[in-house]
Amino acid sequence: MTDRATARAAKSALAARLAADPGIAAVGLSRQDTEYVVRVDLTDARAGVRVPHDVDGVRVVTHVIGTVRPL
């Protein structure tokens, strides 16, 4: 089981690694079942190939949210 502190550290590391990627909209934390995971929101599904399946033992999940536009 991954605790929140471990997941936060993994999130920070992954966010820094993906910061310049135009296909990434956001990097955050999410709960799935009894553990925390790093959630990566994608603007383009093709960007998912550049996202690792785990970071420092913390599982990474992706969600395609599409293009982000201002209201």
N, C-alpha and C. Protein backbone atom coordinates (compact mmCIF):
# COMPACT_ATOMS: atom_id res chain seq x y z
N MET A 1 0.84 -1.18 0.00
CA MET A 1 0.00 0.00 0.00
C MET A 1 0.89 1.25 0.00
N THR A 2 0.56 2.20 -0.84
CA THR A 2 1.32 3.44 -0.95
C THR A 2 0.68 4.53 -0.11
N ASP A 3 1.46 5.15 0.76
CA ASP A 3 0.92 6.22 1.58
C ASP A 3 1.02 7.56 0.85
N ARG A 4 0.36 8.57 1.41
CA ARG A 4 0.28 9.87 0.74
C ARG A 4 1.64 10.55 0.61
N ALA A 5 2.47 10.47 1.63
CA ALA A 5 3.78 11.13 1.59
C ALA A 5 4.66 10.54 0.48
N THR A 6 4.65 9.23 0.34
CA THR A 6 5.43 8.58 -0.72
C THR A 6 4.89 8.98 -2.09
N ALA A 7 3.56 9.00 -2.22
CA ALA A 7 2.94 9.38 -3.49
C ALA A 7 3.23 10.83 -3.84
N ARG A 8 3.23 11.71 -2.84
CA ARG A 8 3.56 13.13 -3.10
C ARG A 8 4.97 13.29 -3.64
N ALA A 9 5.91 12.57 -3.06
CA ALA A 9 7.29 12.65 -3.53
C ALA A 9 7.39 12.16 -4.97
N ALA A 10 6.71 11.07 -5.29
CA ALA A 10 6.73 10.55 -6.65
C ALA A 10 6.06 11.53 -7.61
N LYS A 11 4.97 12.16 -7.17
CA LYS A 11 4.27 13.15 -7.99
C LYS A 11 5.19 14.32 -8.33
N SER A 12 5.89 14.82 -7.33
CA SER A 12 6.81 15.95 -7.55
C SER A 12 7.89 15.59 -8.56
N ALA A 13 8.45 14.40 -8.41
CA ALA A 13 9.51 13.97 -9.33
C ALA A 13 8.97 13.83 -10.75
N LEU A 14 7.78 13.25 -10.89
CA LEU A 14 7.21 13.06 -12.23
C LEU A 14 6.78 14.39 -12.84
N ALA A 15 6.21 15.28 -12.04
CA ALA A 15 5.79 16.59 -12.55
C ALA A 15 6.98 17.36 -13.10
N ALA A 16 8.11 17.32 -12.41
CA ALA A 16 9.31 18.00 -12.90
C ALA A 16 9.79 17.37 -14.21
N ARG A 17 9.70 16.06 -14.30
CA ARG A 17 10.15 15.34 -15.50
C ARG A 17 9.27 15.62 -16.71
N LEU A 18 7.97 15.82 -16.49
CA LEU A 18 7.03 16.00 -17.60
C LEU A 18 6.63 17.45 -17.84
N ALA A 19 7.22 18.39 -17.12
CA ALA A 19 6.81 19.80 -17.16
C ALA A 19 6.78 20.40 -18.56
N ALA A 20 7.71 20.06 -19.41
CA ALA A 20 7.77 20.67 -20.73
C ALA A 20 7.00 19.90 -21.80
N ASP A 21 6.34 18.83 -21.43
CA ASP A 21 5.63 17.99 -22.40
C ASP A 21 4.28 18.61 -22.74
N PRO A 22 4.05 18.98 -23.99
CA PRO A 22 2.80 19.64 -24.37
C PRO A 22 1.57 18.73 -24.29
N GLY A 23 1.74 17.44 -24.23
CA GLY A 23 0.61 16.52 -24.16
C GLY A 23 0.12 16.26 -22.75
N ILE A 24 0.81 16.85 -21.76
CA ILE A 24 0.46 16.65 -20.36
C ILE A 24 -0.27 17.88 -19.85
N ALA A 25 -1.49 17.68 -19.32
CA ALA A 25 -2.26 18.81 -18.79
C ALA A 25 -2.02 19.00 -17.30
N ALA A 26 -1.90 17.91 -16.55
CA ALA A 26 -1.75 18.02 -15.09
C ALA A 26 -1.18 16.73 -14.51
N VAL A 27 -0.53 16.88 -13.37
CA VAL A 27 -0.03 15.74 -12.61
C VAL A 27 -0.53 15.92 -11.18
N GLY A 28 -1.20 14.91 -10.66
CA GLY A 28 -1.76 15.02 -9.31
C GLY A 28 -1.80 13.68 -8.62
N LEU A 29 -2.49 13.66 -7.47
CA LEU A 29 -2.65 12.43 -6.71
C LEU A 29 -4.10 11.98 -6.79
N SER A 30 -4.30 10.69 -6.69
CA SER A 30 -5.64 10.12 -6.69
C SER A 30 -5.62 8.89 -5.79
N ARG A 31 -6.77 8.53 -5.27
CA ARG A 31 -6.88 7.29 -4.48
C ARG A 31 -7.55 6.24 -5.33
N GLN A 32 -6.97 5.07 -5.34
CA GLN A 32 -7.57 3.92 -5.99
C GLN A 32 -7.52 2.77 -5.02
N ASP A 33 -8.70 2.30 -4.66
CA ASP A 33 -8.84 1.27 -3.63
C ASP A 33 -8.23 1.79 -2.33
N THR A 34 -7.21 1.15 -1.83
CA THR A 34 -6.65 1.54 -0.52
C THR A 34 -5.31 2.25 -0.65
N GLU A 35 -4.92 2.63 -1.85
CA GLU A 35 -3.62 3.27 -2.01
C GLU A 35 -3.71 4.55 -2.82
N TYR A 36 -2.68 5.35 -2.69
CA TYR A 36 -2.54 6.56 -3.50
C TYR A 36 -1.78 6.22 -4.76
N VAL A 37 -2.16 6.88 -5.85
CA VAL A 37 -1.46 6.74 -7.13
C VAL A 37 -1.20 8.14 -7.67
N VAL A 38 -0.27 8.25 -8.60
CA VAL A 38 -0.03 9.51 -9.30
C VAL A 38 -0.91 9.49 -10.54
N ARG A 39 -1.71 10.54 -10.71
CA ARG A 39 -2.61 10.62 -11.86
C ARG A 39 -2.06 11.68 -12.83
N VAL A 40 -1.97 11.30 -14.10
CA VAL A 40 -1.49 12.21 -15.13
C VAL A 40 -2.64 12.42 -16.11
N ASP A 41 -3.07 13.68 -16.26
CA ASP A 41 -4.12 14.03 -17.22
C ASP A 41 -3.46 14.42 -18.53
N LEU A 42 -3.93 13.80 -19.61
CA LEU A 42 -3.34 14.00 -20.93
C LEU A 42 -4.28 14.80 -21.83
N THR A 43 -3.71 15.69 -22.61
CA THR A 43 -4.51 16.38 -23.62
C THR A 43 -4.56 15.57 -24.91
N ASP A 44 -3.61 14.68 -25.07
CA ASP A 44 -3.50 13.85 -26.26
C ASP A 44 -3.11 12.44 -25.84
N ALA A 45 -3.88 11.45 -26.25
CA ALA A 45 -3.63 10.07 -25.84
C ALA A 45 -2.23 9.60 -26.23
N ARG A 46 -1.68 10.14 -27.31
CA ARG A 46 -0.34 9.72 -27.75
C ARG A 46 0.74 10.09 -26.75
N ALA A 47 0.47 11.06 -25.88
CA ALA A 47 1.45 11.45 -24.86
C ALA A 47 1.60 10.37 -23.80
N GLY A 48 0.64 9.47 -23.71
CA GLY A 48 0.68 8.41 -22.71
C GLY A 48 1.88 7.49 -22.83
N VAL A 49 2.44 7.36 -24.01
CA VAL A 49 3.61 6.49 -24.18
C VAL A 49 4.84 7.06 -23.49
N ARG A 50 4.82 8.35 -23.17
CA ARG A 50 5.97 8.99 -22.51
C ARG A 50 5.83 9.00 -20.98
N VAL A 51 4.73 8.46 -20.48
CA VAL A 51 4.48 8.45 -19.05
C VAL A 51 4.84 7.06 -18.51
N PRO A 52 5.69 6.99 -17.49
CA PRO A 52 6.05 5.68 -16.93
C PRO A 52 4.88 5.04 -16.19
N HIS A 53 4.92 3.73 -16.03
CA HIS A 53 3.87 3.00 -15.32
C HIS A 53 4.00 3.15 -13.80
N ASP A 54 5.21 3.47 -13.34
CA ASP A 54 5.40 3.73 -11.91
C ASP A 54 6.61 4.64 -11.72
N VAL A 55 6.62 5.33 -10.60
CA VAL A 55 7.73 6.21 -10.23
C VAL A 55 8.08 5.89 -8.79
N ASP A 56 9.30 5.44 -8.57
CA ASP A 56 9.78 5.10 -7.22
C ASP A 56 8.82 4.13 -6.52
N GLY A 57 8.27 3.20 -7.27
CA GLY A 57 7.38 2.20 -6.71
C GLY A 57 5.93 2.62 -6.57
N VAL A 58 5.60 3.85 -6.97
CA VAL A 58 4.22 4.36 -6.90
C VAL A 58 3.60 4.22 -8.28
N ARG A 59 2.42 3.60 -8.33
CA ARG A 59 1.74 3.38 -9.61
C ARG A 59 1.30 4.70 -10.22
N VAL A 60 1.40 4.81 -11.55
CA VAL A 60 0.99 6.00 -12.29
C VAL A 60 -0.17 5.60 -13.20
N VAL A 61 -1.26 6.37 -13.15
CA VAL A 61 -2.39 6.14 -14.03
C VAL A 61 -2.58 7.36 -14.92
N THR A 62 -3.08 7.15 -16.13
CA THR A 62 -3.31 8.26 -17.05
C THR A 62 -4.79 8.35 -17.39
N HIS A 63 -5.23 9.56 -17.69
CA HIS A 63 -6.59 9.83 -18.14
C HIS A 63 -6.50 10.86 -19.26
N VAL A 64 -7.16 10.57 -20.37
CA VAL A 64 -7.20 11.52 -21.48
C VAL A 64 -8.37 12.46 -21.22
N ILE A 65 -8.07 13.76 -21.07
CA ILE A 65 -9.11 14.74 -20.81
C ILE A 65 -9.35 15.64 -22.02
N GLY A 66 -8.49 15.55 -23.02
CA GLY A 66 -8.64 16.36 -24.22
C GLY A 66 -8.02 17.74 -24.05
N THR A 67 -8.28 18.59 -25.01
CA THR A 67 -7.72 19.92 -25.03
C THR A 67 -8.32 20.78 -23.92
N VAL A 68 -7.47 21.52 -23.25
CA VAL A 68 -7.91 22.42 -22.19
C VAL A 68 -8.02 23.82 -22.78
N ARG A 69 -9.20 24.41 -22.64
CA ARG A 69 -9.44 25.75 -23.17
C ARG A 69 -9.98 26.66 -22.07
N PRO A 70 -9.63 27.94 -22.10
CA PRO A 70 -10.18 28.86 -21.09
C PRO A 70 -11.68 29.05 -21.32
N LEU A 71 -12.40 29.31 -20.26
CA LEU A 71 -13.84 29.54 -20.36
C LEU A 71 -14.16 30.87 -20.98
